[in-house]
All heavy atoms as atom14 arrays in JSON, in Angstrom:
{
  "sequence": "SFAAGMNGLAGPLHGLANQEVLKFLRGLQEELGNREVSNEELAAH",
  "atom14_mask": [
    [1, 1, 1, 1, 1, 1, 0, 0, 0, 0, 0, 0, 0, 0],
    [1, 1, 1, 1, 1, 1, 1, 1, 1, 1, 1, 0, 0, 0],
    [1, 1, 1, 1, 1, 0, 0, 0, 0, 0, 0, 0, 0, 0],
    [1, 1, 1, 1, 1, 0, 0, 0, 0, 0, 0, 0, 0, 0],
    [1, 1, 1, 1, 0, 0, 0, 0, 0, 0, 0, 0, 0, 0],
    [1, 1, 1, 1, 1, 1, 1, 1, 0, 0, 0, 0, 0, 0],
    [1, 1, 1, 1, 1, 1, 1, 1, 0, 0, 0, 0, 0, 0],
    [1, 1, 1, 1, 0, 0, 0, 0, 0, 0, 0, 0, 0, 0],
    [1, 1, 1, 1, 1, 1, 1, 1, 0, 0, 0, 0, 0, 0],
    [1, 1, 1, 1, 1, 0, 0, 0, 0, 0, 0, 0, 0, 0],
    [1, 1, 1, 1, 0, 0, 0, 0, 0, 0, 0, 0, 0, 0],
    [1, 1, 1, 1, 1, 1, 1, 0, 0, 0, 0, 0, 0, 0],
    [1, 1, 1, 1, 1, 1, 1, 1, 0, 0, 0, 0, 0, 0],
    [1, 1, 1, 1, 1, 1, 1, 1, 1, 1, 0, 0, 0, 0],
    [1, 1, 1, 1, 0, 0, 0, 0, 0, 0, 0, 0, 0, 0],
    [1, 1, 1, 1, 1, 1, 1, 1, 0, 0, 0, 0, 0, 0],
    [1, 1, 1, 1, 1, 0, 0, 0, 0, 0, 0, 0, 0, 0],
    [1, 1, 1, 1, 1, 1, 1, 1, 0, 0, 0, 0, 0, 0],
    [1, 1, 1, 1, 1, 1, 1, 1, 1, 0, 0, 0, 0, 0],
    [1, 1, 1, 1, 1, 1, 1, 1, 1, 0, 0, 0, 0, 0],
    [1, 1, 1, 1, 1, 1, 1, 0, 0, 0, 0, 0, 0, 0],
    [1, 1, 1, 1, 1, 1, 1, 1, 0, 0, 0, 0, 0, 0],
    [1, 1, 1, 1, 1, 1, 1, 1, 1, 0, 0, 0, 0, 0],
    [1, 1, 1, 1, 1, 1, 1, 1, 1, 1, 1, 0, 0, 0],
    [1, 1, 1, 1, 1, 1, 1, 1, 0, 0, 0, 0, 0, 0],
    [1, 1, 1, 1, 1, 1, 1, 1, 1, 1, 1, 0, 0, 0],
    [1, 1, 1, 1, 0, 0, 0, 0, 0, 0, 0, 0, 0, 0],
    [1, 1, 1, 1, 1, 1, 1, 1, 0, 0, 0, 0, 0, 0],
    [1, 1, 1, 1, 1, 1, 1, 1, 1, 0, 0, 0, 0, 0],
    [1, 1, 1, 1, 1, 1, 1, 1, 1, 0, 0, 0, 0, 0],
    [1, 1, 1, 1, 1, 1, 1, 1, 1, 0, 0, 0, 0, 0],
    [1, 1, 1, 1, 1, 1, 1, 1, 0, 0, 0, 0, 0, 0],
    [1, 1, 1, 1, 0, 0, 0, 0, 0, 0, 0, 0, 0, 0],
    [1, 1, 1, 1, 1, 1, 1, 1, 0, 0, 0, 0, 0, 0],
    [1, 1, 1, 1, 1, 1, 1, 1, 1, 1, 1, 0, 0, 0],
    [1, 1, 1, 1, 1, 1, 1, 1, 1, 0, 0, 0, 0, 0],
    [1, 1, 1, 1, 1, 1, 1, 0, 0, 0, 0, 0, 0, 0],
    [1, 1, 1, 1, 1, 1, 0, 0, 0, 0, 0, 0, 0, 0],
    [1, 1, 1, 1, 1, 1, 1, 1, 0, 0, 0, 0, 0, 0],
    [1, 1, 1, 1, 1, 1, 1, 1, 1, 0, 0, 0, 0, 0],
    [1, 1, 1, 1, 1, 1, 1, 1, 1, 0, 0, 0, 0, 0],
    [1, 1, 1, 1, 1, 1, 1, 1, 0, 0, 0, 0, 0, 0],
    [1, 1, 1, 1, 1, 0, 0, 0, 0, 0, 0, 0, 0, 0],
    [1, 1, 1, 1, 1, 0, 0, 0, 0, 0, 0, 0, 0, 0],
    [1, 1, 1, 1, 1, 1, 1, 1, 1, 1, 0, 0, 0, 0]
  ],
  "atom14_positions": [
    [[4.98, -28.99, 0.53], [4.51, -28.4, 1.78], [4.68, -26.9, 1.76], [3.79, -26.14, 2.17], [5.3, -28.97, 2.95], [5.15, -30.39, 3.02], [0.0, 0.0, 0.0], [0.0, 0.0, 0.0], [0.0, 0.0, 0.0], [0.0, 0.0, 0.0], [0.0, 0.0, 0.0], [0.0, 0.0, 0.0], [0.0, 0.0, 0.0], [0.0, 0.0, 0.0]],
    [[5.84, -26.43, 1.28], [6.09, -24.99, 1.19], [5.15, -24.33, 0.17], [4.66, -23.26, 0.4], [7.55, -24.73, 0.81], [7.93, -23.29, 0.75], [7.87, -22.5, 1.86], [8.31, -22.71, -0.44], [8.21, -21.15, 1.81], [8.63, -21.4, -0.53], [8.58, -20.59, 0.61], [0.0, 0.0, 0.0], [0.0, 0.0, 0.0], [0.0, 0.0, 0.0]],
    [[4.92, -25.0, -0.95], [4.02, -24.45, -1.98], [2.63, -24.26, -1.39], [1.94, -23.27, -1.69], [3.97, -25.4, -3.18], [0.0, 0.0, 0.0], [0.0, 0.0, 0.0], [0.0, 0.0, 0.0], [0.0, 0.0, 0.0], [0.0, 0.0, 0.0], [0.0, 0.0, 0.0], [0.0, 0.0, 0.0], [0.0, 0.0, 0.0], [0.0, 0.0, 0.0]],
    [[2.18, -25.21, -0.56], [0.88, -25.08, 0.09], [0.82, -23.87, 0.98], [-0.12, -23.1, 0.99], [0.57, -26.34, 0.86], [0.0, 0.0, 0.0], [0.0, 0.0, 0.0], [0.0, 0.0, 0.0], [0.0, 0.0, 0.0], [0.0, 0.0, 0.0], [0.0, 0.0, 0.0], [0.0, 0.0, 0.0], [0.0, 0.0, 0.0], [0.0, 0.0, 0.0]],
    [[1.94, -23.68, 1.73], [2.03, -22.52, 2.59], [1.97, -21.2, 1.81], [1.37, -20.22, 2.25], [0.0, 0.0, 0.0], [0.0, 0.0, 0.0], [0.0, 0.0, 0.0], [0.0, 0.0, 0.0], [0.0, 0.0, 0.0], [0.0, 0.0, 0.0], [0.0, 0.0, 0.0], [0.0, 0.0, 0.0], [0.0, 0.0, 0.0], [0.0, 0.0, 0.0]],
    [[2.6, -21.17, 0.62], [2.6, -19.97, -0.19], [1.22, -19.61, -0.65], [0.83, -18.44, -0.83], [3.53, -20.12, -1.36], [5.01, -20.16, -0.99], [5.56, -18.78, 0.04], [5.36, -19.44, 1.72], [0.0, 0.0, 0.0], [0.0, 0.0, 0.0], [0.0, 0.0, 0.0], [0.0, 0.0, 0.0], [0.0, 0.0, 0.0], [0.0, 0.0, 0.0]],
    [[0.34, -20.63, -0.88], [-1.03, -20.34, -1.25], [-1.77, -19.66, -0.12], [-2.75, -18.93, -0.34], [-1.75, -21.65, -1.62], [-1.32, -22.19, -2.98], [-1.05, -21.42, -3.88], [-1.24, -23.52, -3.11], [0.0, 0.0, 0.0], [0.0, 0.0, 0.0], [0.0, 0.0, 0.0], [0.0, 0.0, 0.0], [0.0, 0.0, 0.0], [0.0, 0.0, 0.0]],
    [[-1.27, -19.86, 1.09], [-1.86, -19.17, 2.25], [-1.58, -17.68, 2.25], [-2.18, -16.94, 3.04], [0.0, 0.0, 0.0], [0.0, 0.0, 0.0], [0.0, 0.0, 0.0], [0.0, 0.0, 0.0], [0.0, 0.0, 0.0], [0.0, 0.0, 0.0], [0.0, 0.0, 0.0], [0.0, 0.0, 0.0], [0.0, 0.0, 0.0], [0.0, 0.0, 0.0]],
    [[-0.68, -17.24, 1.38], [-0.33, -15.83, 1.31], [-1.22, -15.07, 0.32], [-1.02, -13.88, 0.07], [1.14, -15.65, 0.9], [2.19, -16.13, 1.88], [3.57, -16.03, 1.28], [2.12, -15.32, 3.18], [0.0, 0.0, 0.0], [0.0, 0.0, 0.0], [0.0, 0.0, 0.0], [0.0, 0.0, 0.0], [0.0, 0.0, 0.0], [0.0, 0.0, 0.0]],
    [[-2.19, -15.76, -0.3], [-2.96, -15.16, -1.37], [-4.01, -14.17, -0.88], [-4.46, -13.34, -1.65], [-3.61, -16.28, -2.2], [0.0, 0.0, 0.0], [0.0, 0.0, 0.0], [0.0, 0.0, 0.0], [0.0, 0.0, 0.0], [0.0, 0.0, 0.0], [0.0, 0.0, 0.0], [0.0, 0.0, 0.0], [0.0, 0.0, 0.0], [0.0, 0.0, 0.0]],
    [[-4.42, -14.27, 0.39], [-5.52, -13.46, 0.86], [-5.1, -12.1, 1.39], [-3.96, -11.92, 1.79], [0.0, 0.0, 0.0], [0.0, 0.0, 0.0], [0.0, 0.0, 0.0], [0.0, 0.0, 0.0], [0.0, 0.0, 0.0], [0.0, 0.0, 0.0], [0.0, 0.0, 0.0], [0.0, 0.0, 0.0], [0.0, 0.0, 0.0], [0.0, 0.0, 0.0]],
    [[-6.03, -11.15, 1.43], [-5.7, -9.79, 1.85], [-5.34, -9.65, 3.34], [-4.76, -8.66, 3.76], [-6.96, -9.0, 1.51], [-8.04, -10.0, 1.54], [-7.41, -11.28, 0.97], [0.0, 0.0, 0.0], [0.0, 0.0, 0.0], [0.0, 0.0, 0.0], [0.0, 0.0, 0.0], [0.0, 0.0, 0.0], [0.0, 0.0, 0.0], [0.0, 0.0, 0.0]],
    [[-5.66, -10.68, 4.16], [-5.36, -10.58, 5.57], [-3.97, -11.09, 5.93], [-3.56, -11.01, 7.1], [-6.45, -11.36, 6.36], [-7.87, -10.83, 6.26], [-8.79, -11.64, 7.15], [-7.94, -9.36, 6.55], [0.0, 0.0, 0.0], [0.0, 0.0, 0.0], [0.0, 0.0, 0.0], [0.0, 0.0, 0.0], [0.0, 0.0, 0.0], [0.0, 0.0, 0.0]],
    [[-3.28, -11.68, 4.97], [-1.97, -12.29, 5.33], [-0.92, -11.8, 4.32], [-0.32, -10.74, 4.53], [-2.07, -13.83, 5.35], [-0.86, -14.49, 5.92], [-0.09, -13.95, 6.93], [-0.29, -15.67, 5.63], [0.88, -14.78, 7.24], [0.79, -15.83, 6.45], [0.0, 0.0, 0.0], [0.0, 0.0, 0.0], [0.0, 0.0, 0.0], [0.0, 0.0, 0.0]],
    [[-0.71, -12.48, 3.23], [0.33, -12.11, 2.31], [0.13, -10.8, 1.6], [1.09, -10.14, 1.21], [0.0, 0.0, 0.0], [0.0, 0.0, 0.0], [0.0, 0.0, 0.0], [0.0, 0.0, 0.0], [0.0, 0.0, 0.0], [0.0, 0.0, 0.0], [0.0, 0.0, 0.0], [0.0, 0.0, 0.0], [0.0, 0.0, 0.0], [0.0, 0.0, 0.0]],
    [[-1.14, -10.4, 1.45], [-1.41, -9.16, 0.72], [-1.66, -7.99, 1.68], [-2.03, -6.92, 1.21], [-2.64, -9.34, -0.18], [-2.58, -10.47, -1.21], [-3.83, -10.45, -2.08], [-1.33, -10.34, -2.09], [0.0, 0.0, 0.0], [0.0, 0.0, 0.0], [0.0, 0.0, 0.0], [0.0, 0.0, 0.0], [0.0, 0.0, 0.0], [0.0, 0.0, 0.0]],
    [[-1.43, -8.19, 2.93], [-1.79, -7.16, 3.88], [-1.02, -5.86, 3.7], [-1.6, -4.77, 3.8], [-1.53, -7.67, 5.32], [0.0, 0.0, 0.0], [0.0, 0.0, 0.0], [0.0, 0.0, 0.0], [0.0, 0.0, 0.0], [0.0, 0.0, 0.0], [0.0, 0.0, 0.0], [0.0, 0.0, 0.0], [0.0, 0.0, 0.0], [0.0, 0.0, 0.0]],
    [[0.28, -5.96, 3.4], [1.02, -4.67, 3.25], [0.59, -3.96, 1.96], [0.68, -2.72, 1.86], [2.53, -4.89, 3.28], [3.09, -5.69, 2.1], [2.35, -6.38, 1.42], [4.37, -5.57, 1.89], [0.0, 0.0, 0.0], [0.0, 0.0, 0.0], [0.0, 0.0, 0.0], [0.0, 0.0, 0.0], [0.0, 0.0, 0.0], [0.0, 0.0, 0.0]],
    [[0.11, -4.7, 0.97], [-0.42, -4.05, -0.22], [-1.72, -3.3, 0.1], [-1.96, -2.21, -0.43], [-0.65, -5.08, -1.33], [0.62, -5.72, -1.87], [0.33, -6.87, -2.78], [0.77, -7.99, -2.54], [-0.37, -6.64, -3.89], [0.0, 0.0, 0.0], [0.0, 0.0, 0.0], [0.0, 0.0, 0.0], [0.0, 0.0, 0.0], [0.0, 0.0, 0.0]],
    [[-2.52, -3.9, 0.94], [-3.76, -3.24, 1.36], [-3.48, -1.96, 2.13], [-4.14, -0.94, 1.95], [-4.6, -4.2, 2.23], [-5.11, -5.42, 1.49], [-6.11, -5.05, 0.39], [-7.01, -4.25, 0.65], [-5.96, -5.57, -0.73], [0.0, 0.0, 0.0], [0.0, 0.0, 0.0], [0.0, 0.0, 0.0], [0.0, 0.0, 0.0], [0.0, 0.0, 0.0]],
    [[-2.43, -1.99, 2.98], [-2.04, -0.82, 3.74], [-1.54, 0.27, 2.76], [-1.9, 1.44, 2.92], [-0.91, -1.18, 4.76], [-0.37, 0.11, 5.39], [-1.5, -2.08, 5.83], [0.0, 0.0, 0.0], [0.0, 0.0, 0.0], [0.0, 0.0, 0.0], [0.0, 0.0, 0.0], [0.0, 0.0, 0.0], [0.0, 0.0, 0.0], [0.0, 0.0, 0.0]],
    [[-0.72, -0.14, 1.81], [-0.2, 0.82, 0.84], [-1.28, 1.5, 0.05], [-1.28, 2.7, -0.18], [0.82, 0.11, -0.08], [1.7, 0.98, -0.99], [2.46, 1.99, -0.15], [2.64, 0.09, -1.78], [0.0, 0.0, 0.0], [0.0, 0.0, 0.0], [0.0, 0.0, 0.0], [0.0, 0.0, 0.0], [0.0, 0.0, 0.0], [0.0, 0.0, 0.0]],
    [[-2.27, 0.69, -0.35], [-3.44, 1.23, -1.07], [-4.17, 2.24, -0.19], [-4.61, 3.31, -0.67], [-4.39, 0.07, -1.46], [-5.54, 0.49, -2.36], [-6.47, -0.66, -2.55], [-5.82, -1.9, -3.13], [-6.77, -3.01, -3.32], [0.0, 0.0, 0.0], [0.0, 0.0, 0.0], [0.0, 0.0, 0.0], [0.0, 0.0, 0.0], [0.0, 0.0, 0.0]],
    [[-4.32, 1.89, 1.08], [-4.98, 2.8, 2.04], [-4.21, 4.1, 2.22], [-4.78, 5.19, 2.2], [-5.12, 2.09, 3.38], [-5.56, 2.99, 4.51], [-6.91, 3.32, 4.66], [-4.67, 3.5, 5.44], [-7.32, 4.16, 5.7], [-5.06, 4.33, 6.46], [-6.39, 4.66, 6.59], [0.0, 0.0, 0.0], [0.0, 0.0, 0.0], [0.0, 0.0, 0.0]],
    [[-2.87, 4.02, 2.34], [-2.04, 5.18, 2.55], [-2.13, 6.13, 1.36], [-2.23, 7.37, 1.53], [-0.57, 4.79, 2.8], [-0.28, 4.05, 4.1], [1.16, 3.56, 4.14], [-0.53, 4.99, 5.29], [0.0, 0.0, 0.0], [0.0, 0.0, 0.0], [0.0, 0.0, 0.0], [0.0, 0.0, 0.0], [0.0, 0.0, 0.0], [0.0, 0.0, 0.0]],
    [[-2.08, 5.59, 0.16], [-2.14, 6.42, -1.03], [-3.5, 7.05, -1.17], [-3.63, 8.22, -1.54], [-1.83, 5.55, -2.26], [-0.35, 5.22, -2.4], [-0.12, 4.21, -3.5], [1.31, 4.08, -3.84], [1.83, 3.05, -4.45], [1.07, 2.04, -4.8], [3.12, 3.03, -4.72], [0.0, 0.0, 0.0], [0.0, 0.0, 0.0], [0.0, 0.0, 0.0]],
    [[-4.55, 6.32, -0.82], [-5.89, 6.87, -0.87], [-6.06, 7.98, 0.17], [-6.67, 9.01, -0.08], [0.0, 0.0, 0.0], [0.0, 0.0, 0.0], [0.0, 0.0, 0.0], [0.0, 0.0, 0.0], [0.0, 0.0, 0.0], [0.0, 0.0, 0.0], [0.0, 0.0, 0.0], [0.0, 0.0, 0.0], [0.0, 0.0, 0.0], [0.0, 0.0, 0.0]],
    [[-5.42, 7.76, 1.35], [-5.5, 8.76, 2.39], [-4.76, 10.04, 2.0], [-5.27, 11.14, 2.23], [-4.85, 8.17, 3.69], [-4.91, 9.03, 4.96], [-6.36, 9.39, 5.3], [-4.25, 8.29, 6.1], [0.0, 0.0, 0.0], [0.0, 0.0, 0.0], [0.0, 0.0, 0.0], [0.0, 0.0, 0.0], [0.0, 0.0, 0.0], [0.0, 0.0, 0.0]],
    [[-3.63, 9.9, 1.34], [-2.88, 11.06, 0.89], [-3.76, 11.86, -0.09], [-3.81, 13.1, -0.03], [-1.6, 10.61, 0.18], [-0.47, 10.25, 1.1], [0.81, 9.89, 0.33], [0.76, 9.25, -0.71], [1.92, 10.32, 0.84], [0.0, 0.0, 0.0], [0.0, 0.0, 0.0], [0.0, 0.0, 0.0], [0.0, 0.0, 0.0], [0.0, 0.0, 0.0]],
    [[-4.44, 11.16, -0.98], [-5.29, 11.82, -1.96], [-6.45, 12.52, -1.32], [-6.79, 13.68, -1.65], [-5.77, 10.81, -2.98], [-6.53, 11.41, -4.15], [-6.88, 10.41, -5.23], [-6.23, 9.34, -5.3], [-7.85, 10.64, -6.0], [0.0, 0.0, 0.0], [0.0, 0.0, 0.0], [0.0, 0.0, 0.0], [0.0, 0.0, 0.0], [0.0, 0.0, 0.0]],
    [[-7.06, 11.88, -0.33], [-8.21, 12.47, 0.36], [-7.78, 13.7, 1.16], [-8.62, 14.62, 1.32], [-8.83, 11.42, 1.3], [-9.54, 10.29, 0.55], [-9.97, 9.16, 1.51], [-9.96, 9.4, 2.75], [-10.31, 8.08, 1.03], [0.0, 0.0, 0.0], [0.0, 0.0, 0.0], [0.0, 0.0, 0.0], [0.0, 0.0, 0.0], [0.0, 0.0, 0.0]],
    [[-6.54, 13.73, 1.6], [-6.05, 14.88, 2.38], [-5.44, 15.96, 1.45], [-4.85, 16.93, 1.96], [-4.98, 14.42, 3.38], [-5.48, 13.48, 4.5], [-4.32, 12.92, 5.27], [-6.45, 14.21, 5.39], [0.0, 0.0, 0.0], [0.0, 0.0, 0.0], [0.0, 0.0, 0.0], [0.0, 0.0, 0.0], [0.0, 0.0, 0.0], [0.0, 0.0, 0.0]],
    [[-5.59, 15.77, 0.16], [-5.09, 16.74, -0.79], [-3.62, 16.72, -1.0], [-2.99, 17.73, -1.39], [0.0, 0.0, 0.0], [0.0, 0.0, 0.0], [0.0, 0.0, 0.0], [0.0, 0.0, 0.0], [0.0, 0.0, 0.0], [0.0, 0.0, 0.0], [0.0, 0.0, 0.0], [0.0, 0.0, 0.0], [0.0, 0.0, 0.0], [0.0, 0.0, 0.0]],
    [[-2.97, 15.59, -0.72], [-1.54, 15.41, -0.89], [-0.73, 16.51, -0.18], [0.2, 17.06, -0.72], [-1.19, 15.39, -2.41], [-1.72, 14.17, -3.12], [-1.46, 13.04, -2.69], [-2.5, 14.39, -4.15], [0.0, 0.0, 0.0], [0.0, 0.0, 0.0], [0.0, 0.0, 0.0], [0.0, 0.0, 0.0], [0.0, 0.0, 0.0], [0.0, 0.0, 0.0]],
    [[-1.16, 16.75, 1.06], [-0.45, 17.75, 1.86], [-0.29, 17.23, 3.28], [-0.99, 16.32, 3.69], [-1.25, 19.07, 1.88], [-2.67, 18.9, 2.45], [-3.52, 20.15, 2.31], [-4.88, 19.9, 2.78], [-5.27, 19.95, 4.06], [-4.41, 20.31, 5.0], [-6.53, 19.7, 4.38], [0.0, 0.0, 0.0], [0.0, 0.0, 0.0], [0.0, 0.0, 0.0]],
    [[0.67, 17.84, 3.99], [0.83, 17.44, 5.4], [-0.26, 18.12, 6.21], [-0.54, 19.29, 5.99], [2.21, 17.84, 5.87], [3.35, 17.06, 5.2], [4.71, 17.34, 5.82], [4.74, 17.88, 6.99], [5.73, 17.02, 5.21], [0.0, 0.0, 0.0], [0.0, 0.0, 0.0], [0.0, 0.0, 0.0], [0.0, 0.0, 0.0], [0.0, 0.0, 0.0]],
    [[-0.79, 17.37, 7.16], [-1.87, 17.88, 8.01], [-1.5, 17.72, 9.47], [-0.59, 17.0, 9.8], [-3.22, 17.15, 7.71], [-3.67, 17.36, 6.26], [-3.08, 15.65, 8.04], [0.0, 0.0, 0.0], [0.0, 0.0, 0.0], [0.0, 0.0, 0.0], [0.0, 0.0, 0.0], [0.0, 0.0, 0.0], [0.0, 0.0, 0.0], [0.0, 0.0, 0.0]],
    [[-2.21, 18.42, 10.3], [-2.0, 18.29, 11.75], [-2.53, 16.98, 12.25], [-3.35, 16.29, 11.59], [-2.67, 19.44, 12.48], [-4.1, 19.33, 12.36], [0.0, 0.0, 0.0], [0.0, 0.0, 0.0], [0.0, 0.0, 0.0], [0.0, 0.0, 0.0], [0.0, 0.0, 0.0], [0.0, 0.0, 0.0], [0.0, 0.0, 0.0], [0.0, 0.0, 0.0]],
    [[-2.1, 16.58, 13.44], [-2.6, 15.36, 14.06], [-4.1, 15.45, 14.29], [-4.83, 14.46, 14.16], [-1.89, 15.06, 15.37], [-0.54, 14.46, 15.18], [-0.04, 14.33, 14.04], [0.12, 14.12, 16.28], [0.0, 0.0, 0.0], [0.0, 0.0, 0.0], [0.0, 0.0, 0.0], [0.0, 0.0, 0.0], [0.0, 0.0, 0.0], [0.0, 0.0, 0.0]],
    [[-4.57, 16.66, 14.6], [-5.98, 16.82, 14.85], [-6.81, 16.6, 13.59], [-7.86, 15.93, 13.64], [-6.26, 18.24, 15.39], [-5.74, 18.52, 16.78], [-4.21, 18.63, 16.85], [-3.59, 18.93, 15.8], [-3.64, 18.44, 17.97], [0.0, 0.0, 0.0], [0.0, 0.0, 0.0], [0.0, 0.0, 0.0], [0.0, 0.0, 0.0], [0.0, 0.0, 0.0]],
    [[-6.33, 17.12, 12.46], [-7.03, 16.92, 11.2], [-7.01, 15.48, 10.79], [-8.01, 14.93, 10.29], [-6.43, 17.81, 10.11], [-7.24, 17.77, 8.82], [-6.71, 18.75, 7.79], [-5.89, 19.61, 8.12], [-7.18, 18.65, 6.64], [0.0, 0.0, 0.0], [0.0, 0.0, 0.0], [0.0, 0.0, 0.0], [0.0, 0.0, 0.0], [0.0, 0.0, 0.0]],
    [[-5.88, 14.83, 10.98], [-5.74, 13.42, 10.64], [-6.67, 12.56, 11.5], [-7.3, 11.63, 11.04], [-4.3, 12.95, 10.77], [-4.02, 11.48, 10.4], [-4.4, 11.22, 8.91], [-2.58, 11.12, 10.62], [0.0, 0.0, 0.0], [0.0, 0.0, 0.0], [0.0, 0.0, 0.0], [0.0, 0.0, 0.0], [0.0, 0.0, 0.0], [0.0, 0.0, 0.0]],
    [[-6.73, 12.92, 12.8], [-7.6, 12.16, 13.72], [-9.06, 12.3, 13.3], [-9.83, 11.31, 13.32], [-7.41, 12.68, 15.14], [0.0, 0.0, 0.0], [0.0, 0.0, 0.0], [0.0, 0.0, 0.0], [0.0, 0.0, 0.0], [0.0, 0.0, 0.0], [0.0, 0.0, 0.0], [0.0, 0.0, 0.0], [0.0, 0.0, 0.0], [0.0, 0.0, 0.0]],
    [[-9.46, 13.51, 12.9], [-10.84, 13.73, 12.45], [-11.13, 12.9, 11.21], [-12.22, 12.33, 11.04], [-11.08, 15.2, 12.15], [0.0, 0.0, 0.0], [0.0, 0.0, 0.0], [0.0, 0.0, 0.0], [0.0, 0.0, 0.0], [0.0, 0.0, 0.0], [0.0, 0.0, 0.0], [0.0, 0.0, 0.0], [0.0, 0.0, 0.0], [0.0, 0.0, 0.0]],
    [[-10.16, 12.79, 10.35], [-10.31, 12.01, 9.12], [-10.43, 10.51, 9.45], [-11.2, 9.78, 8.86], [-9.15, 12.25, 8.16], [-9.46, 11.9, 6.76], [-10.2, 12.71, 5.9], [-9.13, 10.8, 5.99], [-10.3, 12.15, 4.72], [-9.67, 10.98, 4.76], [0.0, 0.0, 0.0], [0.0, 0.0, 0.0], [0.0, 0.0, 0.0], [0.0, 0.0, 0.0]]
  ]
}
């Protein structure tokens, strides 16, 4: 039963969700030139 539940963690919307967020954050850092930006600039992005 537990093994079946673990298979439910295979998709990007559940078990892989934090990995998707991490990928997004790293991509966002790169797009912003790896620098700190203002809230206004981040909002525009």
